[in-house]
Amino acid sequence: MNEGIEKRLAGRPFKMQEWVAELVNILNEEDILFLSDKDLVFLVNRRLPEENQISTSTFEKWKSGKYAPNEEVGKEFVACINLALIRQKQLLSKKMMEDNNGQWTRYAWIMERKFTEWNLKHISENINRNEQSTVINIQAGTEEQRKLIDNLINADFEEVKPIQLPKPKEVKSLTDNEKEDELPF
């Protein structure tokens, strides 16, 4: 891959070719199952000279398809990332299916957190959030409880309007010449 590296004649050098070449090496050599994007950027940057290192935000831009000027190396980068994710899914699926000790749930747990499409709780919550009505199913243990629930659900409620209380009479404050027992209350 390094044979085809192009050097730009003017402007800031484009780092993607050197960086992707080292990314391919990392993906082939290292166990990357539990690595975050930040971890992966660190591992690749550690092997490159400072002028070819990138930031995590650059990695995220490239990952989202925002790269230039060489589209071929950009496509290779996206393909490397997608291939790494597929390998991770395959590895987790294989371990989950081959587990004979009843520990398959730990691999399912990892799969749910690493890949949103496998997070069934998240998918279920999103589907329920989009529904228009909410259904509540209440089951009574006894006939008396059933009647109580029916009365609560089917009861006609009457709006109660607040009543206005009379305003209290004004009370004069005591002056030095008045006695407390002469007050009207």
C-alpha atoms as a PDB file:
ATOM      1  CA  MET A   1       0.000   0.000   0.000  1.00  0.00           C
ATOM      2  CA  ASN A   2       2.870   2.401   0.714  1.00  0.00           C
ATOM      3  CA  GLU A   3       4.135   2.206  -2.894  1.00  0.00           C
ATOM      4  CA  GLY A   4       1.202   4.271  -4.143  1.00  0.00           C
ATOM      5  CA  ILE A   5       1.542   7.098  -1.597  1.00  0.00           C
ATOM      6  CA  GLU A   6       1.323  10.444  -3.329  1.00  0.00           C
ATOM      7  CA  LYS A   7       3.029  13.583  -2.074  1.00  0.00           C
ATOM      8  CA  ARG A   8       1.277  16.900  -2.590  1.00  0.00           C
ATOM      9  CA  LEU A   9       3.373  19.661  -4.084  1.00  0.00           C
ATOM     10  CA  ALA A  10       1.801  22.627  -2.262  1.00  0.00           C
ATOM     11  CA  GLY A  11      -0.102  23.291   0.952  1.00  0.00           C
ATOM     12  CA  ARG A  12      -0.398  21.203   4.060  1.00  0.00           C
ATOM     13  CA  PRO A  13       0.451  17.535   3.422  1.00  0.00           C
ATOM     14  CA  PHE A  14      -2.510  15.166   3.313  1.00  0.00           C
ATOM     15  CA  LYS A  15      -2.108  12.663   6.177  1.00  0.00           C
ATOM     16  CA  MET A  16      -4.773  10.186   5.232  1.00  0.00           C
ATOM     17  CA  GLN A  17      -2.654   7.886   3.059  1.00  0.00           C
ATOM     18  CA  GLU A  18       0.040   7.307   5.686  1.00  0.00           C
ATOM     19  CA  TRP A  19      -2.528   7.090   8.462  1.00  0.00           C
ATOM     20  CA  VAL A  20      -4.741   4.553   6.670  1.00  0.00           C
ATOM     21  CA  ALA A  21      -1.704   2.421   5.822  1.00  0.00           C
ATOM     22  CA  GLU A  22      -0.855   2.203   9.537  1.00  0.00           C
ATOM     23  CA  LEU A  23      -4.531   1.653  10.449  1.00  0.00           C
ATOM     24  CA  VAL A  24      -4.584  -1.433   8.221  1.00  0.00           C
ATOM     25  CA  ASN A  25      -1.517  -2.763  10.068  1.00  0.00           C
ATOM     26  CA  ILE A  26      -3.145  -2.148  13.481  1.00  0.00           C
ATOM     27  CA  LEU A  27      -6.404  -3.815  12.438  1.00  0.00           C
ATOM     28  CA  ASN A  28      -4.531  -6.883  11.225  1.00  0.00           C
ATOM     29  CA  GLU A  29      -2.187  -7.173  14.229  1.00  0.00           C
ATOM     30  CA  GLU A  30      -4.174  -6.137  17.296  1.00  0.00           C
ATOM     31  CA  ASP A  31      -7.247  -7.478  19.074  1.00  0.00           C
ATOM     32  CA  ILE A  32      -9.511  -4.455  18.683  1.00  0.00           C
ATOM     33  CA  LEU A  33     -12.788  -5.787  20.070  1.00  0.00           C
ATOM     34  CA  PHE A  34     -12.948  -3.474  23.074  1.00  0.00           C
ATOM     35  CA  LEU A  35     -11.248  -0.437  21.563  1.00  0.00           C
ATOM     36  CA  SER A  36     -13.056   2.867  21.246  1.00  0.00           C
ATOM     37  CA  ASP A  37     -12.405   5.262  18.367  1.00  0.00           C
ATOM     38  CA  LYS A  38     -10.185   7.269  20.691  1.00  0.00           C
ATOM     39  CA  ASP A  39      -8.151   4.144  21.522  1.00  0.00           C
ATOM     40  CA  LEU A  40      -7.742   3.260  17.858  1.00  0.00           C
ATOM     41  CA  VAL A  41      -6.563   6.784  16.987  1.00  0.00           C
ATOM     42  CA  PHE A  42      -4.045   6.588  19.847  1.00  0.00           C
ATOM     43  CA  LEU A  43      -2.640   3.231  18.671  1.00  0.00           C
ATOM     44  CA  VAL A  44      -2.213   4.392  15.075  1.00  0.00           C
ATOM     45  CA  ASN A  45      -0.789   7.794  16.066  1.00  0.00           C
ATOM     46  CA  ARG A  46       1.711   6.096  18.386  1.00  0.00           C
ATOM     47  CA  ARG A  47       3.315   4.388  15.389  1.00  0.00           C
ATOM     48  CA  LEU A  48       3.492   7.488  13.182  1.00  0.00           C
ATOM     49  CA  PRO A  49       5.692  10.577  13.227  1.00  0.00           C
ATOM     50  CA  GLU A  50       4.001  13.636  14.707  1.00  0.00           C
ATOM     51  CA  GLU A  51       3.443  15.295  11.323  1.00  0.00           C
ATOM     52  CA  ASN A  52       1.272  12.319  10.223  1.00  0.00           C
ATOM     53  CA  GLN A  53      -0.790  12.002  13.410  1.00  0.00           C
ATOM     54  CA  ILE A  54      -4.455  13.045  13.490  1.00  0.00           C
ATOM     55  CA  SER A  55      -6.973  14.077  16.151  1.00  0.00           C
ATOM     56  CA  THR A  56     -10.030  12.100  17.214  1.00  0.00           C
ATOM     57  CA  SER A  57     -12.258  14.731  15.569  1.00  0.00           C
ATOM     58  CA  THR A  58     -10.444  14.207  12.245  1.00  0.00           C
ATOM     59  CA  PHE A  59     -10.978  10.463  12.631  1.00  0.00           C
ATOM     60  CA  GLU A  60     -14.711  11.064  13.234  1.00  0.00           C
ATOM     61  CA  LYS A  61     -14.928  13.314  10.148  1.00  0.00           C
ATOM     62  CA  TRP A  62     -13.225  10.715   8.005  1.00  0.00           C
ATOM     63  CA  LYS A  63     -15.457   8.003   9.437  1.00  0.00           C
ATOM     64  CA  SER A  64     -18.562  10.011   8.504  1.00  0.00           C
ATOM     65  CA  GLY A  65     -17.301  10.318   4.905  1.00  0.00           C
ATOM     66  CA  LYS A  66     -15.838  13.838   5.056  1.00  0.00           C
ATOM     67  CA  TYR A  67     -12.427  13.380   3.507  1.00  0.00           C
ATOM     68  CA  ALA A  68     -10.527  14.994   0.659  1.00  0.00           C
ATOM     69  CA  PRO A  69      -8.796  15.250  -1.756  1.00  0.00           C
ATOM     70  CA  ASN A  70      -8.022  11.609  -2.556  1.00  0.00           C
ATOM     71  CA  GLU A  71     -11.307   9.696  -2.663  1.00  0.00           C
ATOM     72  CA  GLU A  72      -9.698   6.279  -3.142  1.00  0.00           C
ATOM     73  CA  VAL A  73      -7.845   6.374   0.188  1.00  0.00           C
ATOM     74  CA  GLY A  74     -11.016   7.725   1.841  1.00  0.00           C
ATOM     75  CA  LYS A  75     -13.019   4.818   0.490  1.00  0.00           C
ATOM     76  CA  GLU A  76     -10.306   2.435   1.689  1.00  0.00           C
ATOM     77  CA  PHE A  77     -10.479   4.010   5.176  1.00  0.00           C
ATOM     78  CA  VAL A  78     -14.266   3.586   5.417  1.00  0.00           C
ATOM     79  CA  ALA A  79     -13.952   0.008   4.130  1.00  0.00           C
ATOM     80  CA  CYS A  80     -11.301  -0.762   6.809  1.00  0.00           C
ATOM     81  CA  ILE A  81     -13.529   0.555   9.585  1.00  0.00           C
ATOM     82  CA  ASN A  82     -16.575  -1.343   8.307  1.00  0.00           C
ATOM     83  CA  LEU A  83     -14.559  -4.544   7.925  1.00  0.00           C
ATOM     84  CA  ALA A  84     -13.250  -4.204  11.497  1.00  0.00           C
ATOM     85  CA  LEU A  85     -16.817  -3.810  12.818  1.00  0.00           C
ATOM     86  CA  ILE A  86     -17.975  -6.847  10.852  1.00  0.00           C
ATOM     87  CA  ARG A  87     -15.083  -8.899  12.256  1.00  0.00           C
ATOM     88  CA  GLN A  88     -16.028  -7.813  15.777  1.00  0.00           C
ATOM     89  CA  LYS A  89     -19.656  -8.901  15.243  1.00  0.00           C
ATOM     90  CA  GLN A  90     -18.508 -12.212  13.811  1.00  0.00           C
ATOM     91  CA  LEU A  91     -16.146 -12.848  16.722  1.00  0.00           C
ATOM     92  CA  LEU A  92     -18.806 -12.036  19.332  1.00  0.00           C
ATOM     93  CA  SER A  93     -21.439 -14.111  17.533  1.00  0.00           C
ATOM     94  CA  LYS A  94     -19.082 -17.065  17.272  1.00  0.00           C
ATOM     95  CA  LYS A  95     -18.162 -16.890  20.972  1.00  0.00           C
ATOM     96  CA  MET A  96     -21.814 -16.550  21.929  1.00  0.00           C
ATOM     97  CA  MET A  97     -22.880 -19.573  19.864  1.00  0.00           C
ATOM     98  CA  GLU A  98     -19.972 -21.779  20.909  1.00  0.00           C
ATOM     99  CA  ASP A  99     -20.307 -21.100  24.637  1.00  0.00           C
ATOM    100  CA  ASN A 100     -21.164 -24.347  26.413  1.00  0.00           C
ATOM    101  CA  ASN A 101     -20.838 -22.996  29.953  1.00  0.00           C
ATOM    102  CA  GLY A 102     -24.020 -20.920  29.952  1.00  0.00           C
ATOM    103  CA  GLN A 103     -21.982 -17.712  29.770  1.00  0.00           C
ATOM    104  CA  TRP A 104     -23.279 -16.652  26.335  1.00  0.00           C
ATOM    105  CA  THR A 105     -25.084 -13.692  27.922  1.00  0.00           C
ATOM    106  CA  ARG A 106     -21.808 -11.850  28.518  1.00  0.00           C
ATOM    107  CA  TYR A 107     -21.157 -11.845  24.762  1.00  0.00           C
ATOM    108  CA  ALA A 108     -24.738 -10.742  24.102  1.00  0.00           C
ATOM    109  CA  TRP A 109     -24.247  -7.927  26.627  1.00  0.00           C
ATOM    110  CA  ILE A 110     -21.107  -6.751  24.806  1.00  0.00           C
ATOM    111  CA  MET A 111     -22.879  -7.008  21.452  1.00  0.00           C
ATOM    112  CA  GLU A 112     -25.818  -4.894  22.673  1.00  0.00           C
ATOM    113  CA  ARG A 113     -23.553  -2.129  23.910  1.00  0.00           C
ATOM    114  CA  LYS A 114     -21.123  -2.110  20.998  1.00  0.00           C
ATOM    115  CA  PHE A 115     -23.716  -2.275  18.209  1.00  0.00           C
ATOM    116  CA  THR A 116     -26.944  -0.265  18.494  1.00  0.00           C
ATOM    117  CA  GLU A 117     -28.793  -2.513  16.039  1.00  0.00           C
ATOM    118  CA  TRP A 118     -28.401  -5.375  18.544  1.00  0.00           C
ATOM    119  CA  ASN A 119     -29.659  -3.330  21.507  1.00  0.00           C
ATOM    120  CA  LEU A 120     -33.194  -4.715  21.702  1.00  0.00           C
ATOM    121  CA  LYS A 121     -34.195  -2.639  24.733  1.00  0.00           C
ATOM    122  CA  HIS A 122     -33.221   0.579  22.920  1.00  0.00           C
ATOM    123  CA  ILE A 123     -35.100  -0.517  19.791  1.00  0.00           C
ATOM    124  CA  SER A 124     -38.182  -1.412  21.861  1.00  0.00           C
ATOM    125  CA  GLU A 125     -38.134   1.941  23.677  1.00  0.00           C
ATOM    126  CA  ASN A 126     -37.930   3.824  20.375  1.00  0.00           C
ATOM    127  CA  ILE A 127     -40.845   1.870  18.912  1.00  0.00           C
ATOM    128  CA  ASN A 128     -42.972   2.477  22.022  1.00  0.00           C
ATOM    129  CA  ARG A 129     -42.112   6.176  21.968  1.00  0.00           C
ATOM    130  CA  ASN A 130     -43.551   6.429  18.451  1.00  0.00           C
ATOM    131  CA  GLU A 131     -46.905   4.859  19.363  1.00  0.00           C
ATOM    132  CA  GLN A 132     -49.892   7.200  19.681  1.00  0.00           C
ATOM    133  CA  SER A 133     -51.741   5.563  22.561  1.00  0.00           C
ATOM    134  CA  THR A 134     -50.652   3.961  25.772  1.00  0.00           C
ATOM    135  CA  VAL A 135     -52.235   0.688  26.850  1.00  0.00           C
ATOM    136  CA  ILE A 136     -52.211  -0.264  30.504  1.00  0.00           C
ATOM    137  CA  ASN A 137     -53.153  -3.835  31.343  1.00  0.00           C
ATOM    138  CA  ILE A 138     -54.271  -4.278  34.963  1.00  0.00           C
ATOM    139  CA  GLN A 139     -55.185  -7.704  36.310  1.00  0.00           C
ATOM    140  CA  ALA A 140     -57.126  -8.157  39.526  1.00  0.00           C
ATOM    141  CA  GLY A 141     -56.511 -11.025  41.902  1.00  0.00           C
ATOM    142  CA  THR A 142     -60.047 -11.152  43.328  1.00  0.00           C
ATOM    143  CA  GLU A 143     -63.556 -10.194  42.200  1.00  0.00           C
ATOM    144  CA  GLU A 144     -63.579  -7.340  44.703  1.00  0.00           C
ATOM    145  CA  GLN A 145     -60.357  -5.940  43.242  1.00  0.00           C
ATOM    146  CA  ARG A 146     -61.776  -6.292  39.711  1.00  0.00           C
ATOM    147  CA  LYS A 147     -64.858  -4.254  40.681  1.00  0.00           C
ATOM    148  CA  LEU A 148     -62.683  -1.602  42.271  1.00  0.00           C
ATOM    149  CA  ILE A 149     -60.519  -1.341  39.140  1.00  0.00           C
ATOM    150  CA  ASP A 150     -63.632  -1.172  36.904  1.00  0.00           C
ATOM    151  CA  ASN A 151     -65.084   1.607  39.072  1.00  0.00           C
ATOM    152  CA  LEU A 152     -61.849   3.559  38.888  1.00  0.00           C
ATOM    153  CA  ILE A 153     -61.531   3.176  35.129  1.00  0.00           C
ATOM    154  CA  ASN A 154     -65.205   3.742  34.220  1.00  0.00           C
ATOM    155  CA  ALA A 155     -66.174   6.280  36.871  1.00  0.00           C
ATOM    156  CA  ASP A 156     -67.545   9.639  35.815  1.00  0.00           C
ATOM    157  CA  PHE A 157     -65.503  12.399  37.267  1.00  0.00           C
ATOM    158  CA  GLU A 158     -67.033  15.698  38.166  1.00  0.00           C
ATOM    159  CA  GLU A 159     -65.029  18.886  38.059  1.00  0.00           C
ATOM    160  CA  VAL A 160     -65.095  20.631  41.398  1.00  0.00           C
ATOM    161  CA  LYS A 161     -64.827  24.397  41.216  1.00  0.00           C
ATOM    162  CA  PRO A 162     -63.048  26.139  44.035  1.00  0.00           C
ATOM    163  CA  ILE A 163     -65.160  28.184  46.418  1.00  0.00           C
ATOM    164  CA  GLN A 164     -64.215  31.696  47.329  1.00  0.00           C
ATOM    165  CA  LEU A 165     -63.604  32.306  50.983  1.00  0.00           C
ATOM    166  CA  PRO A 166     -64.676  35.638  52.495  1.00  0.00           C
ATOM    167  CA  LYS A 167     -61.896  38.111  52.972  1.00  0.00           C
ATOM    168  CA  PRO A 168     -60.905  38.717  56.595  1.00  0.00           C
ATOM    169  CA  LYS A 169     -61.829  42.009  58.204  1.00  0.00           C
ATOM    170  CA  GLU A 170     -59.095  44.525  58.535  1.00  0.00           C
ATOM    171  CA  VAL A 171     -57.515  44.568  61.931  1.00  0.00           C
ATOM    172  CA  LYS A 172     -56.195  47.752  63.351  1.00  0.00           C
ATOM    173  CA  SER A 173     -52.820  47.536  64.900  1.00  0.00           C
ATOM    174  CA  LEU A 174     -52.438  48.489  68.505  1.00  0.00           C
ATOM    175  CA  THR A 175     -51.254  51.898  69.413  1.00  0.00           C
ATOM    176  CA  ASP A 176     -49.779  52.759  72.735  1.00  0.00           C
ATOM    177  CA  ASN A 177     -53.106  54.114  74.004  1.00  0.00           C
ATOM    178  CA  GLU A 178     -55.274  51.064  73.206  1.00  0.00           C
ATOM    179  CA  LYS A 179     -55.787  48.016  75.329  1.00  0.00           C
ATOM    180  CA  GLU A 180     -55.728  44.536  73.886  1.00  0.00           C
ATOM    181  CA  ASP A 181     -59.157  43.615  75.255  1.00  0.00           C
ATOM    182  CA  GLU A 182     -60.817  46.475  73.326  1.00  0.00           C
ATOM    183  CA  LEU A 183     -59.974  44.936  69.939  1.00  0.00           C
ATOM    184  CA  PRO A 184     -62.902  43.478  67.925  1.00  0.00           C
ATOM    185  CA  PHE A 185     -61.647  39.888  68.006  1.00  0.00           C
END
